[in-house]
Protein backbone atom coordinates (compact mmCIF):
# COMPACT_ATOMS: atom_id res chain seq x y z
CA MET A 1 -57.00 -29.38 53.47
CA SER A 2 -57.66 -28.04 56.80
CA GLY A 3 -58.89 -24.31 57.55
CA SER A 4 -62.09 -22.57 56.48
CA THR A 5 -60.72 -21.03 53.26
CA PHE A 6 -58.99 -22.31 50.34
CA LYS A 7 -55.26 -22.51 50.19
CA PRO A 8 -52.53 -23.47 47.74
CA GLY A 9 -52.45 -27.32 47.52
CA ASP A 10 -56.23 -27.84 48.28
CA ILE A 11 -58.22 -30.02 46.04
CA VAL A 12 -61.00 -28.03 44.88
CA VAL A 13 -64.35 -28.88 42.90
CA LEU A 14 -65.72 -26.45 40.57
CA ALA A 15 -69.39 -27.38 40.00
CA GLN A 16 -71.14 -25.48 37.00
CA ARG A 17 -74.48 -24.34 38.47
CA ASP A 18 -76.72 -24.90 35.57
CA ASN A 19 -75.78 -28.54 34.77
CA ARG A 20 -73.79 -31.37 35.94
CA LYS A 21 -70.50 -30.50 34.73
CA LYS A 22 -67.77 -30.34 37.37
CA TYR A 23 -63.93 -29.88 37.46
CA VAL A 24 -61.56 -31.12 40.00
CA ILE A 25 -58.41 -28.97 40.52
CA VAL A 26 -55.36 -28.97 42.66
CA LEU A 27 -55.14 -25.36 43.56
CA GLY A 28 -52.08 -23.57 42.67
CA GLU A 29 -51.00 -19.69 43.28
CA GLN A 30 -50.75 -18.63 39.69
CA ASP A 31 -52.61 -21.32 37.73
CA VAL A 32 -55.39 -20.87 35.31
CA TYR A 33 -58.23 -23.54 34.85
CA MET A 34 -60.01 -24.01 31.52
CA THR A 35 -63.65 -24.96 31.42
CA VAL A 36 -66.23 -25.23 28.74
CA GLY A 37 -67.51 -21.99 29.92
CA GLY A 38 -64.33 -19.91 29.89
CA PHE A 39 -61.23 -19.64 32.59
CA ILE A 40 -60.99 -19.17 36.23
CA ARG A 41 -57.60 -17.97 37.73
CA ALA A 42 -56.37 -19.36 40.88
CA ARG A 43 -56.35 -15.88 42.53
CA GLU A 44 -60.07 -15.81 42.31
CA LEU A 45 -60.39 -18.85 44.51
CA LEU A 46 -57.62 -18.47 47.07
CA GLY A 47 -59.07 -17.33 50.43
CA LEU A 48 -62.68 -17.92 49.51
CA GLN A 49 -64.79 -20.04 51.94
CA PRO A 50 -66.10 -23.57 50.21
CA GLY A 51 -69.67 -22.99 48.90
CA SER A 52 -68.69 -19.49 47.20
CA ILE A 53 -69.80 -18.80 43.84
CA VAL A 54 -67.27 -17.81 41.00
CA LYS A 55 -67.57 -16.55 37.62
CA SER A 56 -65.47 -17.74 34.75
CA SER A 57 -64.12 -15.12 32.29
CA ALA A 58 -67.20 -15.93 30.06
CA GLY A 59 -69.61 -15.05 33.08
CA VAL A 60 -70.52 -18.75 33.75
CA GLU A 61 -71.21 -19.35 37.34
CA PHE A 62 -69.50 -22.28 39.26
CA THR A 63 -69.83 -23.21 43.07
CA ALA A 64 -66.34 -23.85 44.69
CA LEU A 65 -66.38 -26.82 47.03
CA ARG A 66 -63.64 -28.93 48.98
CA ALA A 67 -63.50 -32.43 47.10
CA SER A 68 -64.90 -35.48 48.64
CA PRO A 69 -62.79 -38.57 49.22
CA VAL A 70 -64.16 -39.79 45.86
CA GLU A 71 -63.61 -36.39 43.99
CA GLU A 72 -60.06 -36.19 45.49
CA LEU A 73 -59.14 -39.47 43.50
CA GLU A 74 -59.96 -37.55 40.19
CA ALA A 75 -56.85 -35.78 40.62
CA PHE A 76 -54.75 -38.77 40.42
CA GLU A 77 -52.25 -39.79 37.65
CA ARG A 78 -53.65 -43.18 36.79
CA ARG A 79 -52.09 -46.07 34.71
CA SER A 80 -54.04 -48.93 35.84
CA GLN A 81 -57.86 -50.09 36.24
CA VAL A 82 -58.77 -48.89 39.92
CA ILE A 83 -61.36 -50.41 42.19
CA TYR A 84 -64.43 -48.19 41.90
CA PRO A 85 -65.40 -45.92 44.77
CA LYS A 86 -68.82 -47.82 45.20
CA ASP A 87 -66.90 -51.05 45.63
CA LEU A 88 -64.31 -49.25 47.98
CA ALA A 89 -67.10 -48.16 50.23
CA THR A 90 -68.68 -51.63 50.34
CA ILE A 91 -65.36 -53.13 51.22
CA SER A 92 -64.66 -50.46 53.97
CA VAL A 93 -68.17 -51.42 55.72
CA PHE A 94 -67.45 -55.23 55.46
CA LEU A 95 -63.77 -54.67 56.88
CA GLY A 96 -64.90 -52.16 59.38
CA VAL A 97 -62.40 -49.51 58.45
CA ARG A 98 -62.09 -46.78 61.18
CA PRO A 99 -59.67 -44.37 62.51
CA CYS A 100 -56.39 -45.44 63.85
CA MET A 101 -56.48 -49.03 62.15
CA ARG A 102 -53.52 -50.62 60.74
CA MET A 103 -54.19 -52.09 57.16
CA ILE A 104 -52.40 -53.96 54.56
CA GLN A 105 -53.08 -53.70 50.75
CA SER A 106 -51.58 -55.48 47.94
CA GLY A 107 -52.08 -54.42 44.19
CA VAL A 108 -51.92 -50.98 44.99
CA GLY A 109 -51.32 -49.64 41.45
CA THR A 110 -51.23 -45.69 41.38
CA GLY A 111 -52.67 -45.54 45.00
CA TYR A 112 -56.36 -44.93 44.30
CA SER A 113 -57.57 -47.42 46.95
CA LEU A 114 -54.79 -46.37 49.19
CA ALA A 115 -55.83 -42.80 49.31
CA PHE A 116 -59.63 -43.63 50.00
CA PHE A 117 -58.67 -45.77 53.23
CA ALA A 118 -55.73 -43.40 54.32
CA ARG A 119 -58.34 -40.62 54.54
CA ILE A 120 -60.56 -42.97 56.80
CA ILE A 121 -57.80 -44.41 58.96
CA GLY A 122 -56.27 -40.93 59.74
CA SER A 123 -52.84 -39.96 60.85
CA CYS A 124 -53.06 -42.13 63.82
CA GLY A 125 -53.19 -45.23 61.67
CA GLU A 126 -51.21 -46.83 59.03
CA ILE A 127 -51.54 -48.45 55.54
CA ILE A 128 -48.73 -50.73 53.96
CA GLY A 129 -49.20 -50.92 50.39
CA VAL A 130 -47.34 -53.80 48.52
CA ASP A 131 -46.82 -54.02 44.61
CA LEU A 132 -44.67 -56.09 42.33
CA ARG A 133 -44.27 -53.17 39.86
CA GLU A 134 -41.64 -50.62 40.87
CA ASP A 135 -43.07 -48.01 38.38
CA MET A 136 -46.60 -48.17 40.29
CA ILE A 137 -44.86 -47.79 43.49
CA SER A 138 -43.16 -44.40 42.40
CA VAL A 139 -46.52 -43.12 40.87
CA ALA A 140 -48.39 -44.10 44.04
CA GLU A 141 -45.75 -42.26 46.19
CA SER A 142 -46.38 -39.24 43.98
CA ASN A 143 -49.78 -39.33 44.49
CA MET A 144 -49.64 -39.82 48.23
CA GLY A 145 -47.68 -36.53 48.34
CA LYS A 146 -49.92 -34.64 46.17
CA LEU A 147 -52.71 -35.54 48.51
CA GLY A 148 -50.77 -35.03 51.48
CA TYR A 149 -50.93 -38.43 53.11
CA ARG A 150 -48.17 -39.37 55.69
CA ASN A 151 -49.85 -42.76 56.94
CA VAL A 152 -49.10 -44.79 53.88
CA LYS A 153 -45.84 -46.82 53.63
CA LEU A 154 -45.08 -48.29 50.33
CA VAL A 155 -43.22 -51.65 49.74
CA HIS A 156 -42.09 -53.06 46.21
CA ALA A 157 -42.28 -56.87 46.92
CA ASN A 158 -44.29 -59.88 46.00
CA MET A 159 -47.47 -60.28 48.32
CA GLU A 160 -46.78 -64.20 48.56
CA GLU A 161 -43.45 -63.66 50.13
CA VAL A 162 -43.30 -60.10 51.46
CA GLU A 163 -41.93 -59.75 55.16
CA LEU A 164 -43.77 -57.09 57.00
CA GLU A 165 -42.58 -55.34 60.21
CA ASP A 166 -44.54 -54.70 63.65
CA PRO A 167 -47.58 -57.05 63.40
CA PRO A 168 -50.44 -57.56 63.96
CA TYR A 169 -52.52 -55.71 61.53
CA HIS A 170 -56.41 -55.33 61.76
CA THR A 171 -57.33 -55.87 58.33
CA ALA A 172 -56.25 -56.34 54.58
CA LEU A 173 -57.39 -55.77 50.98
CA LEU A 174 -55.97 -57.88 48.32
CA ASP A 175 -56.32 -56.72 44.61
CA ILE A 176 -54.53 -59.40 42.69
CA PRO A 177 -55.59 -61.96 40.31
CA ASN A 178 -54.42 -65.04 42.14
CA PRO A 179 -54.54 -64.28 46.04
CA PHE A 180 -54.53 -67.77 47.60
CA LYS A 181 -50.65 -67.84 48.25
CA ALA A 182 -50.53 -64.17 49.46
CA LEU A 183 -53.43 -65.00 51.70
CA LEU A 184 -51.43 -67.77 53.29
CA ASN A 185 -48.36 -65.38 53.73
CA ILE A 186 -50.34 -62.61 55.57
CA HIS A 187 -52.13 -65.00 57.84
CA ARG A 188 -49.21 -64.45 60.25
CA TYR A 189 -49.66 -60.70 60.14
CA ILE A 190 -53.46 -60.27 60.50
CA GLU A 191 -54.92 -60.14 64.08
CA PRO A 192 -56.95 -63.26 65.02
CA GLY A 193 -60.68 -62.66 63.71
CA GLY A 194 -59.54 -59.81 61.64
CA LYS A 195 -61.26 -59.25 58.27
CA VAL A 196 -59.76 -59.37 54.76
CA ALA A 197 -61.28 -58.50 51.59
CA VAL A 198 -60.44 -60.00 48.00
CA TYR A 199 -61.33 -58.08 45.10
CA LEU A 200 -61.62 -60.29 41.85
CA PRO A 201 -62.96 -59.24 38.36
CA THR A 202 -64.61 -62.73 37.54
CA ILE A 203 -66.83 -65.26 38.98
CA SER A 204 -64.45 -68.11 37.97
CA GLN A 205 -61.51 -66.54 40.24
CA VAL A 206 -64.04 -66.32 42.98
CA GLU A 207 -64.96 -70.15 42.63
CA ARG A 208 -61.25 -71.04 42.38
CA LEU A 209 -60.67 -69.30 45.50
CA ARG A 210 -63.50 -70.67 47.23
CA SER A 211 -62.15 -74.16 46.34
CA GLN A 212 -58.62 -73.52 47.34
CA LEU A 213 -59.96 -72.34 50.78
CA THR A 214 -62.25 -75.47 51.28
CA GLY A 215 -61.40 -76.96 54.55
CA SER A 216 -58.87 -74.36 55.35
CA ASN A 217 -57.72 -73.78 59.01
CA SER A 218 -56.49 -70.20 58.10
CA TYR A 219 -59.72 -68.26 57.08
CA HIS A 220 -63.53 -68.43 57.48
CA TRP A 221 -65.17 -67.68 54.31
CA LEU A 222 -68.05 -64.83 55.14
CA GLY A 223 -69.45 -64.27 51.57
CA ALA A 224 -68.99 -63.01 48.05
CA TYR A 225 -70.62 -60.01 46.92
CA GLU A 226 -71.21 -57.29 44.43
CA SER A 227 -72.20 -53.70 44.68
CA TRP A 228 -74.52 -51.54 42.38
CA MET A 229 -75.14 -47.77 42.45
CA ARG A 230 -77.48 -45.86 40.17
CA GLU A 231 -77.42 -42.01 39.66
CA TRP A 232 -80.70 -40.01 38.94
CA ILE A 233 -80.96 -36.93 37.09
CA VAL A 234 -83.72 -34.83 38.82
CA SER A 235 -85.71 -32.29 37.19
CA PRO A 236 -89.42 -31.48 37.72
CA GLY A 237 -91.50 -33.59 35.25
CA LYS A 238 -88.22 -34.97 33.53
CA THR A 239 -86.64 -37.00 36.38
CA ARG A 240 -84.85 -40.01 34.79
CA PRO A 241 -81.84 -42.46 35.49
CA ALA A 242 -78.63 -41.10 34.21
CA ASN A 243 -77.34 -42.29 30.89
CA THR A 244 -74.35 -44.06 32.30
CA PRO A 245 -75.50 -47.61 33.38
CA SER A 246 -75.10 -49.30 36.72
CA SER A 247 -72.89 -52.31 35.80
CA HIS A 248 -70.85 -54.98 37.11
CA THR A 249 -67.31 -53.98 38.07
CA GLY A 250 -65.93 -56.86 40.45
CA PHE A 251 -66.62 -59.30 43.19
CA ILE A 252 -65.79 -58.84 46.65
CA VAL A 253 -64.94 -61.75 48.82
CA ILE A 254 -64.82 -61.26 52.70
CA LEU A 255 -62.75 -63.60 54.88
CA ALA A 256 -62.09 -63.76 58.65
CA ARG A 257 -58.68 -64.90 59.84
CA LEU A 258 -58.86 -68.01 62.08
CA VAL A 259 -56.63 -68.44 65.06
């Protein structure tokens, strides 16, 4: 994705100029991309600078842009529910995710969250992704290759029992329904004071985890949160909230590893 012009393998956003329609594509050399306003050939995009305007076969104008971290993830093959970008952003702030960190994640699915954090951590960091399902590991590996992330290592194992190499790790994210035993297992791998996020769909799961950790000598409970984001359609005299409602997606529990 480096360089000033588009090259094969880049993930490109084609944003239609007169409405909110956009297309996220992986740029090939001979590909043709269909839109509601005609098609665009790959050769018309290769060598262009981001921010260039291209026209479809029907004369519809699109702005060609590099994909943001959120838009990159739209190019994924998905087979499972993902943690939404608004929640991933909140988690990254609470965990203090930054370049060169070493991170553990469980419940990786097809790698959506892995890619989000891999981009932030960069080539000097490392993410270990652990999942029980071998088929998900395979799809996640394919997705990581598609996006060019080499700082992700995938492990087919149970997070409650997994053995990891070269501790300590700075932080972790658990996206599994019953995280208590997994938390006890990874305690030995997280650096003292390191933050751990647990993502849970229901408040009953949050309450159960709070009860399990009461009196714990392993973790300090820092809080439970949910995040909301609302898009607005801005047009002079017609500005309004987008039709897609802002709604609950999951609870984020933040813990600190005790000595």
